[in-house]
């Protein structure tokens, strides 16, 4: 994830933490967009997941999206997850749908919830109201480039999650 996302998220964490919000913050080097969360998978599933990622990626061309707004899931009154949203990226929805279909073909349950492109940067232990109006002066609108899909294994540790890249599929170049 480039500076276009890291810088506003770093500033948001600084402001929210300084205001006393108790949250588990995502380390800036761990920021990513989750297209599909698969949960615990046996190691034997990695090749079929990698193949599904490859089949989805080959249908894409590199594209961009813009950082848009700060928000919370399920909502700001009962926040559990803090996120930075993305806009101007219909291709991100196409990629999600394509990956969802390929994973379904590989035997994974289809994700029925609508996709909302976002970058998670904080998790609250218990649902709580959050006021994100203090983030309104943070400059957003930076362009992020998407040119690959990566399968990560997430390992939870006392110091936070560690991500290990297991597979990666690059999008074909624009001129091919």
N, C-alpha and C. Protein backbone atom coordinates (compact mmCIF):
# COMPACT_ATOMS: atom_id res chain seq x y z
N UNK A 1 0.85 -1.17 0.00
CA UNK A 1 0.00 0.00 0.00
C UNK A 1 0.90 1.23 0.00
N UNK A 2 0.69 2.12 -0.93
CA UNK A 2 1.55 3.28 -1.09
C UNK A 2 1.25 4.41 -0.11
N UNK A 3 2.03 5.48 -0.20
CA UNK A 3 1.88 6.61 0.72
C UNK A 3 0.52 7.29 0.61
N UNK A 4 -0.15 7.16 -0.53
CA UNK A 4 -1.47 7.77 -0.69
C UNK A 4 -2.48 7.25 0.31
N UNK A 5 -2.27 6.05 0.83
CA UNK A 5 -3.14 5.50 1.88
C UNK A 5 -2.46 5.57 3.24
N UNK A 6 -1.16 5.27 3.26
CA UNK A 6 -0.45 5.23 4.56
C UNK A 6 -0.45 6.59 5.26
N UNK A 7 -0.22 7.66 4.52
CA UNK A 7 -0.11 8.97 5.16
C UNK A 7 -1.42 9.42 5.82
N UNK A 8 -2.57 9.38 5.11
CA UNK A 8 -3.80 9.80 5.80
C UNK A 8 -4.19 8.86 6.94
N UNK A 9 -3.93 7.57 6.79
CA UNK A 9 -4.26 6.63 7.86
C UNK A 9 -3.34 6.87 9.06
N UNK A 10 -2.07 7.09 8.82
CA UNK A 10 -1.15 7.40 9.92
C UNK A 10 -1.59 8.64 10.68
N UNK A 11 -2.02 9.65 9.95
CA UNK A 11 -2.50 10.89 10.58
C UNK A 11 -3.79 10.61 11.36
N UNK A 12 -4.71 9.81 10.80
CA UNK A 12 -5.96 9.48 11.48
C UNK A 12 -5.69 8.74 12.79
N UNK A 13 -4.78 7.80 12.76
CA UNK A 13 -4.43 7.05 13.97
C UNK A 13 -3.88 8.00 15.03
N UNK A 14 -2.98 8.89 14.60
CA UNK A 14 -2.39 9.87 15.51
C UNK A 14 -3.49 10.70 16.19
N UNK A 15 -4.45 11.20 15.41
CA UNK A 15 -5.52 12.04 15.94
C UNK A 15 -6.44 11.25 16.86
N UNK A 16 -6.88 10.07 16.42
CA UNK A 16 -7.82 9.28 17.22
C UNK A 16 -7.17 8.77 18.50
N UNK A 17 -5.94 8.31 18.40
CA UNK A 17 -5.23 7.82 19.58
C UNK A 17 -4.98 8.98 20.55
N UNK A 18 -4.62 10.14 20.01
CA UNK A 18 -4.41 11.33 20.84
C UNK A 18 -5.68 11.78 21.53
N UNK A 19 -6.83 11.47 20.92
CA UNK A 19 -8.13 11.80 21.51
C UNK A 19 -8.61 10.75 22.50
N UNK A 20 -7.81 9.70 22.71
CA UNK A 20 -8.15 8.70 23.72
C UNK A 20 -8.87 7.47 23.23
N UNK A 21 -9.02 7.31 21.91
CA UNK A 21 -9.70 6.11 21.40
C UNK A 21 -8.80 4.89 21.62
N UNK A 22 -9.34 3.91 22.32
CA UNK A 22 -8.61 2.65 22.55
C UNK A 22 -8.97 1.68 21.44
N UNK A 23 -7.98 1.30 20.70
CA UNK A 23 -8.20 0.51 19.49
C UNK A 23 -6.94 -0.30 19.21
N UNK A 24 -7.10 -1.43 18.52
CA UNK A 24 -5.93 -2.15 18.01
C UNK A 24 -5.68 -1.60 16.61
N UNK A 25 -4.59 -0.88 16.48
CA UNK A 25 -4.27 -0.22 15.22
C UNK A 25 -3.52 -1.18 14.30
N UNK A 26 -3.81 -1.11 13.03
CA UNK A 26 -3.08 -1.89 12.03
C UNK A 26 -1.77 -1.15 11.76
N UNK A 27 -0.68 -1.89 11.79
CA UNK A 27 0.61 -1.28 11.49
C UNK A 27 0.60 -0.84 10.02
N UNK A 28 1.16 0.32 9.76
CA UNK A 28 1.09 0.90 8.42
C UNK A 28 1.67 -0.03 7.36
N UNK A 29 2.69 -0.80 7.71
CA UNK A 29 3.27 -1.72 6.71
C UNK A 29 2.36 -2.92 6.44
N UNK A 30 1.31 -3.11 7.26
CA UNK A 30 0.38 -4.22 7.07
C UNK A 30 -0.92 -3.81 6.38
N UNK A 31 -1.05 -2.56 5.99
CA UNK A 31 -2.29 -2.11 5.35
C UNK A 31 -2.51 -2.84 4.03
N UNK A 32 -3.75 -3.23 3.79
CA UNK A 32 -4.10 -3.93 2.56
C UNK A 32 -5.61 -3.85 2.36
N UNK A 33 -6.05 -4.26 1.20
CA UNK A 33 -7.49 -4.36 0.92
C UNK A 33 -7.81 -5.84 0.86
N UNK A 34 -8.77 -6.26 1.65
CA UNK A 34 -9.19 -7.66 1.64
C UNK A 34 -10.31 -7.83 0.62
N UNK A 35 -10.03 -8.61 -0.42
CA UNK A 35 -11.08 -8.92 -1.40
C UNK A 35 -11.97 -10.04 -0.88
N UNK A 36 -11.36 -11.05 -0.28
CA UNK A 36 -12.10 -12.16 0.31
C UNK A 36 -11.31 -12.67 1.51
N UNK A 37 -12.02 -12.84 2.63
CA UNK A 37 -11.41 -13.47 3.80
C UNK A 37 -11.84 -14.93 3.78
N UNK A 38 -10.87 -15.83 3.76
CA UNK A 38 -11.17 -17.25 3.62
C UNK A 38 -11.15 -18.00 4.94
N UNK A 39 -10.62 -17.39 6.00
CA UNK A 39 -10.54 -18.09 7.26
C UNK A 39 -9.45 -19.14 7.23
N UNK A 40 -9.51 -20.05 8.18
CA UNK A 40 -8.50 -21.11 8.26
C UNK A 40 -8.65 -22.06 7.08
N UNK A 41 -7.56 -22.27 6.38
CA UNK A 41 -7.55 -23.17 5.22
C UNK A 41 -6.38 -24.14 5.37
N UNK A 42 -6.58 -25.38 4.96
CA UNK A 42 -5.45 -26.31 5.00
C UNK A 42 -4.40 -25.91 3.96
N UNK A 43 -3.17 -26.25 4.24
CA UNK A 43 -2.09 -25.93 3.31
C UNK A 43 -2.35 -26.53 1.92
N UNK A 44 -3.05 -27.65 1.89
CA UNK A 44 -3.34 -28.30 0.62
C UNK A 44 -4.28 -27.47 -0.27
N UNK A 45 -4.96 -26.46 0.31
CA UNK A 45 -5.87 -25.62 -0.48
C UNK A 45 -5.14 -24.49 -1.19
N UNK A 46 -3.90 -24.21 -0.79
CA UNK A 46 -3.17 -23.06 -1.34
C UNK A 46 -3.05 -23.14 -2.86
N UNK A 47 -2.71 -24.28 -3.47
CA UNK A 47 -2.62 -24.31 -4.93
C UNK A 47 -3.95 -23.96 -5.63
N UNK A 48 -5.07 -24.44 -5.12
CA UNK A 48 -6.35 -24.13 -5.78
C UNK A 48 -6.74 -22.66 -5.56
N UNK A 49 -6.40 -22.10 -4.40
CA UNK A 49 -6.65 -20.68 -4.18
C UNK A 49 -5.75 -19.86 -5.11
N UNK A 50 -4.49 -20.25 -5.21
CA UNK A 50 -3.57 -19.57 -6.12
C UNK A 50 -4.06 -19.61 -7.56
N UNK A 51 -4.60 -20.77 -7.98
CA UNK A 51 -5.13 -20.88 -9.34
C UNK A 51 -6.34 -19.97 -9.53
N UNK A 52 -7.20 -19.90 -8.53
CA UNK A 52 -8.38 -19.02 -8.61
C UNK A 52 -7.95 -17.56 -8.72
N UNK A 53 -6.94 -17.18 -7.95
CA UNK A 53 -6.42 -15.81 -8.02
C UNK A 53 -5.87 -15.54 -9.42
N UNK A 54 -5.12 -16.49 -9.95
CA UNK A 54 -4.55 -16.34 -11.30
C UNK A 54 -5.62 -16.19 -12.37
N UNK A 55 -6.69 -16.98 -12.28
CA UNK A 55 -7.78 -16.89 -13.26
C UNK A 55 -8.51 -15.55 -13.17
N UNK A 56 -8.64 -15.03 -11.96
CA UNK A 56 -9.29 -13.72 -11.80
C UNK A 56 -8.37 -12.61 -12.30
N UNK A 57 -7.10 -12.68 -11.96
CA UNK A 57 -6.16 -11.61 -12.31
C UNK A 57 -5.95 -11.48 -13.81
N UNK A 58 -5.95 -12.59 -14.51
CA UNK A 58 -5.67 -12.55 -15.95
C UNK A 58 -6.76 -11.79 -16.71
N UNK A 59 -7.91 -11.63 -16.12
CA UNK A 59 -9.01 -10.91 -16.77
C UNK A 59 -8.98 -9.41 -16.49
N UNK A 60 -8.03 -8.98 -15.67
CA UNK A 60 -7.97 -7.58 -15.25
C UNK A 60 -6.83 -6.84 -15.96
N UNK A 61 -6.92 -5.55 -15.97
CA UNK A 61 -5.84 -4.66 -16.37
C UNK A 61 -5.55 -3.78 -15.16
N UNK A 62 -4.35 -3.25 -15.02
CA UNK A 62 -4.09 -2.34 -13.90
C UNK A 62 -5.10 -1.20 -13.90
N UNK A 63 -5.51 -0.78 -12.69
CA UNK A 63 -6.48 0.29 -12.55
C UNK A 63 -6.17 1.10 -11.30
N UNK A 64 -6.89 2.19 -11.15
CA UNK A 64 -6.68 3.05 -9.99
C UNK A 64 -7.99 3.24 -9.23
N UNK A 65 -7.85 3.62 -7.98
CA UNK A 65 -8.97 4.03 -7.13
C UNK A 65 -8.47 5.19 -6.29
N UNK A 66 -9.38 5.93 -5.72
CA UNK A 66 -9.01 7.08 -4.89
C UNK A 66 -9.48 6.86 -3.46
N UNK A 67 -8.65 7.33 -2.50
CA UNK A 67 -9.10 7.32 -1.11
C UNK A 67 -10.24 8.33 -1.01
N UNK A 68 -11.24 7.99 -0.19
CA UNK A 68 -12.49 8.75 -0.25
C UNK A 68 -12.95 9.31 1.09
N UNK A 69 -13.15 8.44 2.08
CA UNK A 69 -13.70 8.88 3.36
C UNK A 69 -13.33 7.89 4.45
N UNK A 70 -13.37 8.37 5.68
CA UNK A 70 -13.17 7.49 6.83
C UNK A 70 -14.54 7.01 7.29
N UNK A 71 -14.60 5.75 7.75
CA UNK A 71 -15.87 5.22 8.22
C UNK A 71 -15.65 4.10 9.22
N UNK A 72 -16.76 3.46 9.59
CA UNK A 72 -16.72 2.39 10.59
C UNK A 72 -17.75 1.32 10.24
N UNK A 73 -17.41 0.09 10.51
CA UNK A 73 -18.35 -1.04 10.38
C UNK A 73 -18.75 -1.49 11.77
N UNK A 74 -19.96 -1.91 12.05
CA UNK A 74 -21.07 -1.83 11.10
C UNK A 74 -21.57 -0.41 10.89
N UNK A 75 -21.33 0.50 11.86
CA UNK A 75 -21.66 1.91 11.71
C UNK A 75 -20.92 2.69 12.81
N UNK A 76 -21.03 4.00 12.78
CA UNK A 76 -20.29 4.83 13.74
C UNK A 76 -20.89 4.78 15.14
N UNK A 77 -22.12 4.34 15.27
CA UNK A 77 -22.74 4.23 16.60
C UNK A 77 -22.29 2.98 17.35
N UNK A 78 -21.93 1.93 16.60
CA UNK A 78 -21.50 0.66 17.20
C UNK A 78 -20.27 0.14 16.45
N UNK A 79 -19.26 0.97 16.37
CA UNK A 79 -18.08 0.65 15.56
C UNK A 79 -17.31 -0.54 16.13
N UNK A 80 -16.88 -1.40 15.22
CA UNK A 80 -15.95 -2.49 15.54
C UNK A 80 -14.69 -2.36 14.69
N UNK A 81 -14.86 -1.82 13.47
CA UNK A 81 -13.76 -1.70 12.51
C UNK A 81 -13.74 -0.26 11.99
N UNK A 82 -12.54 0.34 11.95
CA UNK A 82 -12.35 1.66 11.36
C UNK A 82 -11.67 1.48 10.01
N UNK A 83 -12.12 2.23 9.02
CA UNK A 83 -11.61 2.03 7.67
C UNK A 83 -11.48 3.33 6.89
N UNK A 84 -10.67 3.26 5.85
CA UNK A 84 -10.56 4.32 4.85
C UNK A 84 -11.15 3.74 3.57
N UNK A 85 -12.18 4.41 3.07
CA UNK A 85 -12.88 3.91 1.89
C UNK A 85 -12.23 4.34 0.59
N UNK A 86 -12.65 3.66 -0.47
CA UNK A 86 -12.14 3.93 -1.81
C UNK A 86 -13.30 4.25 -2.75
N UNK A 87 -13.01 5.06 -3.75
CA UNK A 87 -14.02 5.44 -4.72
C UNK A 87 -13.40 5.42 -6.11
N UNK A 88 -14.24 5.64 -7.11
CA UNK A 88 -13.79 5.68 -8.51
C UNK A 88 -13.12 4.39 -8.95
N UNK A 89 -13.65 3.25 -8.49
CA UNK A 89 -13.00 1.98 -8.84
C UNK A 89 -14.02 0.89 -9.14
N UNK A 90 -14.80 1.05 -10.22
CA UNK A 90 -15.71 -0.05 -10.56
C UNK A 90 -14.94 -1.35 -10.82
N UNK A 91 -13.67 -1.22 -11.24
CA UNK A 91 -12.86 -2.41 -11.51
C UNK A 91 -12.62 -3.22 -10.24
N UNK A 92 -12.60 -2.57 -9.10
CA UNK A 92 -12.42 -3.29 -7.84
C UNK A 92 -13.61 -4.21 -7.58
N UNK A 93 -14.80 -3.74 -7.91
CA UNK A 93 -16.00 -4.59 -7.78
C UNK A 93 -15.98 -5.72 -8.79
N UNK A 94 -15.49 -5.44 -10.00
CA UNK A 94 -15.36 -6.49 -11.02
C UNK A 94 -14.37 -7.55 -10.53
N UNK A 95 -13.24 -7.11 -9.99
CA UNK A 95 -12.23 -8.04 -9.47
C UNK A 95 -12.81 -8.90 -8.35
N UNK A 96 -13.53 -8.27 -7.42
CA UNK A 96 -14.15 -9.02 -6.34
C UNK A 96 -15.08 -10.09 -6.90
N UNK A 97 -15.96 -9.71 -7.83
CA UNK A 97 -16.92 -10.66 -8.40
C UNK A 97 -16.21 -11.80 -9.12
N UNK A 98 -15.18 -11.47 -9.87
CA UNK A 98 -14.42 -12.48 -10.61
C UNK A 98 -13.73 -13.44 -9.64
N UNK A 99 -13.10 -12.90 -8.61
CA UNK A 99 -12.43 -13.74 -7.62
C UNK A 99 -13.43 -14.59 -6.86
N UNK A 100 -14.55 -14.02 -6.50
CA UNK A 100 -15.61 -14.75 -5.80
C UNK A 100 -16.07 -15.95 -6.64
N UNK A 101 -16.27 -15.72 -7.94
CA UNK A 101 -16.69 -16.81 -8.84
C UNK A 101 -15.62 -17.89 -8.94
N UNK A 102 -14.37 -17.48 -9.10
CA UNK A 102 -13.29 -18.47 -9.25
C UNK A 102 -13.09 -19.26 -7.96
N UNK A 103 -13.22 -18.61 -6.81
CA UNK A 103 -13.10 -19.33 -5.54
C UNK A 103 -14.28 -20.27 -5.34
N UNK A 104 -15.44 -19.88 -5.77
CA UNK A 104 -16.62 -20.74 -5.69
C UNK A 104 -16.39 -22.01 -6.53
N UNK A 105 -15.85 -21.83 -7.73
CA UNK A 105 -15.53 -22.98 -8.59
C UNK A 105 -14.51 -23.90 -7.92
N UNK A 106 -13.66 -23.33 -7.08
CA UNK A 106 -12.63 -24.12 -6.38
C UNK A 106 -13.17 -24.75 -5.10
N UNK A 107 -14.47 -24.55 -4.83
CA UNK A 107 -15.09 -25.21 -3.68
C UNK A 107 -15.28 -24.34 -2.45
N UNK A 108 -14.98 -23.05 -2.54
CA UNK A 108 -15.19 -22.15 -1.41
C UNK A 108 -16.59 -21.56 -1.46
N UNK A 109 -17.12 -21.29 -0.28
CA UNK A 109 -18.45 -20.70 -0.19
C UNK A 109 -18.44 -19.32 -0.85
N UNK A 110 -19.48 -19.03 -1.62
CA UNK A 110 -19.61 -17.73 -2.26
C UNK A 110 -19.90 -16.66 -1.22
N UNK A 111 -19.22 -15.53 -1.32
CA UNK A 111 -19.49 -14.39 -0.43
C UNK A 111 -20.73 -13.69 -0.95
N UNK A 112 -21.76 -13.64 -0.13
CA UNK A 112 -23.04 -13.05 -0.54
C UNK A 112 -23.13 -11.56 -0.20
N UNK A 113 -22.35 -11.13 0.79
CA UNK A 113 -22.43 -9.71 1.17
C UNK A 113 -21.87 -8.83 0.06
N UNK A 114 -22.46 -7.65 -0.12
CA UNK A 114 -21.93 -6.75 -1.15
C UNK A 114 -20.52 -6.29 -0.78
N UNK A 115 -19.69 -6.14 -1.78
CA UNK A 115 -18.31 -5.73 -1.56
C UNK A 115 -18.24 -4.22 -1.38
N UNK A 116 -17.48 -3.78 -0.39
CA UNK A 116 -17.23 -2.36 -0.17
C UNK A 116 -15.72 -2.20 -0.02
N UNK A 117 -15.08 -1.67 -1.05
CA UNK A 117 -13.63 -1.51 -1.02
C UNK A 117 -13.19 -0.57 0.08
N UNK A 118 -12.31 -1.05 0.94
CA UNK A 118 -11.84 -0.26 2.07
C UNK A 118 -10.52 -0.82 2.58
N UNK A 119 -9.84 0.01 3.36
CA UNK A 119 -8.60 -0.38 4.02
C UNK A 119 -8.84 -0.30 5.52
N UNK A 120 -8.83 -1.44 6.19
CA UNK A 120 -9.03 -1.46 7.65
C UNK A 120 -7.78 -0.91 8.32
N UNK A 121 -7.97 0.01 9.28
CA UNK A 121 -6.80 0.53 10.00
C UNK A 121 -6.96 0.44 11.51
N UNK A 122 -8.10 0.00 11.99
CA UNK A 122 -8.27 -0.16 13.44
C UNK A 122 -9.41 -1.09 13.78
N UNK A 123 -9.27 -1.81 14.90
CA UNK A 123 -10.32 -2.72 15.38
C UNK A 123 -10.57 -2.45 16.85
N UNK A 124 -11.84 -2.29 17.20
CA UNK A 124 -12.22 -2.08 18.60
C UNK A 124 -12.60 -3.42 19.20
N UNK A 125 -12.24 -3.65 20.47
CA UNK A 125 -12.55 -4.92 21.12
C UNK A 125 -14.05 -5.11 21.29
N UNK A 126 -14.74 -4.02 21.62
CA UNK A 126 -16.19 -4.06 21.81
C UNK A 126 -16.82 -2.96 20.99
N UNK A 127 -18.03 -3.17 20.48
CA UNK A 127 -18.69 -2.10 19.73
C UNK A 127 -18.79 -0.84 20.58
N UNK A 128 -18.49 0.28 19.96
CA UNK A 128 -18.52 1.56 20.67
C UNK A 128 -18.80 2.68 19.68
N UNK A 129 -19.40 3.77 20.13
CA UNK A 129 -19.59 4.91 19.23
C UNK A 129 -18.24 5.58 18.95
N UNK A 130 -18.04 6.03 17.72
CA UNK A 130 -16.83 6.76 17.36
C UNK A 130 -17.23 8.04 16.63
N UNK A 131 -16.52 9.09 16.92
CA UNK A 131 -16.72 10.37 16.24
C UNK A 131 -15.53 10.58 15.34
N UNK A 132 -15.77 10.48 14.04
CA UNK A 132 -14.68 10.62 13.07
C UNK A 132 -14.62 12.03 12.48
N UNK A 133 -15.44 12.95 13.00
CA UNK A 133 -15.45 14.32 12.46
C UNK A 133 -14.09 15.00 12.64
N UNK A 134 -13.30 14.54 13.61
CA UNK A 134 -11.97 15.11 13.83
C UNK A 134 -11.01 14.78 12.68
N UNK A 135 -11.42 13.92 11.76
CA UNK A 135 -10.56 13.53 10.64
C UNK A 135 -10.88 14.30 9.36
N UNK A 136 -11.85 15.20 9.44
CA UNK A 136 -12.32 15.89 8.23
C UNK A 136 -11.26 16.71 7.53
N UNK A 137 -10.24 17.18 8.24
CA UNK A 137 -9.21 18.01 7.63
C UNK A 137 -8.08 17.21 6.99
N UNK A 138 -8.13 15.89 7.12
CA UNK A 138 -7.10 15.06 6.50
C UNK A 138 -7.35 15.02 5.00
N UNK A 139 -6.31 15.30 4.24
CA UNK A 139 -6.42 15.33 2.78
C UNK A 139 -6.60 13.91 2.23
N UNK A 140 -7.68 13.72 1.49
CA UNK A 140 -7.95 12.43 0.85
C UNK A 140 -8.01 12.65 -0.66
N UNK A 141 -8.26 11.59 -1.39
CA UNK A 141 -8.35 11.69 -2.84
C UNK A 141 -7.11 11.19 -3.56
N UNK A 142 -6.14 10.66 -2.80
CA UNK A 142 -4.93 10.13 -3.43
C UNK A 142 -5.27 8.92 -4.29
N UNK A 143 -4.57 8.81 -5.39
CA UNK A 143 -4.80 7.71 -6.32
C UNK A 143 -3.94 6.50 -5.92
N UNK A 144 -4.59 5.34 -5.82
CA UNK A 144 -3.89 4.09 -5.53
C UNK A 144 -3.92 3.23 -6.78
N UNK A 145 -2.82 2.57 -7.08
CA UNK A 145 -2.72 1.72 -8.28
C UNK A 145 -2.89 0.26 -7.86
N UNK A 146 -3.73 -0.44 -8.60
CA UNK A 146 -3.96 -1.87 -8.37
C UNK A 146 -3.45 -2.61 -9.60
N UNK A 147 -2.52 -3.56 -9.36
CA UNK A 147 -1.94 -4.29 -10.49
C UNK A 147 -1.69 -5.76 -10.18
N UNK A 148 -2.21 -6.23 -9.04
CA UNK A 148 -2.00 -7.64 -8.67
C UNK A 148 -2.98 -8.04 -7.57
N UNK A 149 -3.09 -9.35 -7.39
CA UNK A 149 -3.84 -9.93 -6.27
C UNK A 149 -2.86 -10.82 -5.53
N UNK A 150 -2.88 -10.72 -4.21
CA UNK A 150 -1.94 -11.50 -3.39
C UNK A 150 -2.72 -12.30 -2.36
N UNK A 151 -2.34 -13.56 -2.21
CA UNK A 151 -2.88 -14.41 -1.14
C UNK A 151 -1.92 -14.31 0.03
N UNK A 152 -2.45 -13.84 1.16
CA UNK A 152 -1.66 -13.75 2.38
C UNK A 152 -2.16 -14.75 3.39
N UNK A 153 -1.22 -15.29 4.15
CA UNK A 153 -1.57 -16.04 5.35
C UNK A 153 -1.39 -15.08 6.51
N UNK A 154 -2.39 -15.00 7.35
CA UNK A 154 -2.35 -14.13 8.52
C UNK A 154 -2.08 -14.98 9.74
N UNK A 155 -1.03 -14.63 10.47
CA UNK A 155 -0.69 -15.32 11.72
C UNK A 155 -0.82 -14.31 12.86
N UNK A 156 -1.69 -14.62 13.80
CA UNK A 156 -1.89 -13.72 14.93
C UNK A 156 -0.80 -13.94 15.96
N UNK A 157 -0.19 -12.84 16.39
CA UNK A 157 0.85 -12.87 17.41
C UNK A 157 0.50 -11.84 18.48
N UNK A 158 1.13 -11.92 19.65
CA UNK A 158 0.85 -10.92 20.69
C UNK A 158 1.11 -9.48 20.24
N UNK A 159 2.04 -9.29 19.30
CA UNK A 159 2.34 -7.94 18.82
C UNK A 159 1.51 -7.55 17.59
N UNK A 160 0.53 -8.37 17.24
CA UNK A 160 -0.32 -8.07 16.09
C UNK A 160 -0.16 -9.12 15.00
N UNK A 161 -0.99 -9.03 13.97
CA UNK A 161 -0.91 -10.03 12.90
C UNK A 161 0.36 -9.89 12.08
N UNK A 162 0.84 -11.01 11.61
CA UNK A 162 1.96 -11.07 10.68
C UNK A 162 1.41 -11.66 9.39
N UNK A 163 1.77 -11.06 8.26
CA UNK A 163 1.27 -11.52 6.98
C UNK A 163 2.41 -12.13 6.16
N UNK A 164 2.15 -13.32 5.65
CA UNK A 164 3.13 -13.97 4.78
C UNK A 164 2.49 -14.16 3.41
N UNK A 165 3.18 -13.68 2.39
CA UNK A 165 2.68 -13.85 1.02
C UNK A 165 2.85 -15.31 0.60
N UNK A 166 1.74 -15.92 0.17
CA UNK A 166 1.77 -17.31 -0.29
C UNK A 166 1.71 -17.41 -1.81
N UNK A 167 0.93 -16.54 -2.44
CA UNK A 167 0.79 -16.54 -3.90
C UNK A 167 0.51 -15.11 -4.34
N UNK A 168 0.93 -14.82 -5.58
CA UNK A 168 0.66 -13.51 -6.16
C UNK A 168 0.36 -13.70 -7.64
N UNK A 169 -0.61 -12.94 -8.14
CA UNK A 169 -0.93 -12.96 -9.57
C UNK A 169 -0.98 -11.52 -10.05
N UNK A 170 -0.09 -11.20 -10.98
CA UNK A 170 -0.03 -9.85 -11.56
C UNK A 170 -1.10 -9.71 -12.64
N UNK A 171 -1.63 -8.50 -12.79
CA UNK A 171 -2.57 -8.24 -13.88
C UNK A 171 -1.76 -8.10 -15.17
N UNK A 172 -2.35 -8.52 -16.30
CA UNK A 172 -1.64 -8.27 -17.57
C UNK A 172 -1.42 -6.77 -17.74
N UNK A 173 -0.35 -6.41 -18.42
CA UNK A 173 -0.06 -4.99 -18.64
C UNK A 173 -1.13 -4.36 -19.53
N UNK A 174 -1.33 -3.05 -19.37
CA UNK A 174 -2.35 -2.33 -20.15
C UNK A 174 -2.19 -2.50 -21.64
N UNK A 175 -0.95 -2.59 -22.11
CA UNK A 175 -0.71 -2.61 -23.56
C UNK A 175 -0.72 -4.02 -24.14
N UNK A 176 -1.07 -5.05 -23.34
CA UNK A 176 -1.07 -6.40 -23.91
C UNK A 176 -2.47 -6.81 -24.33
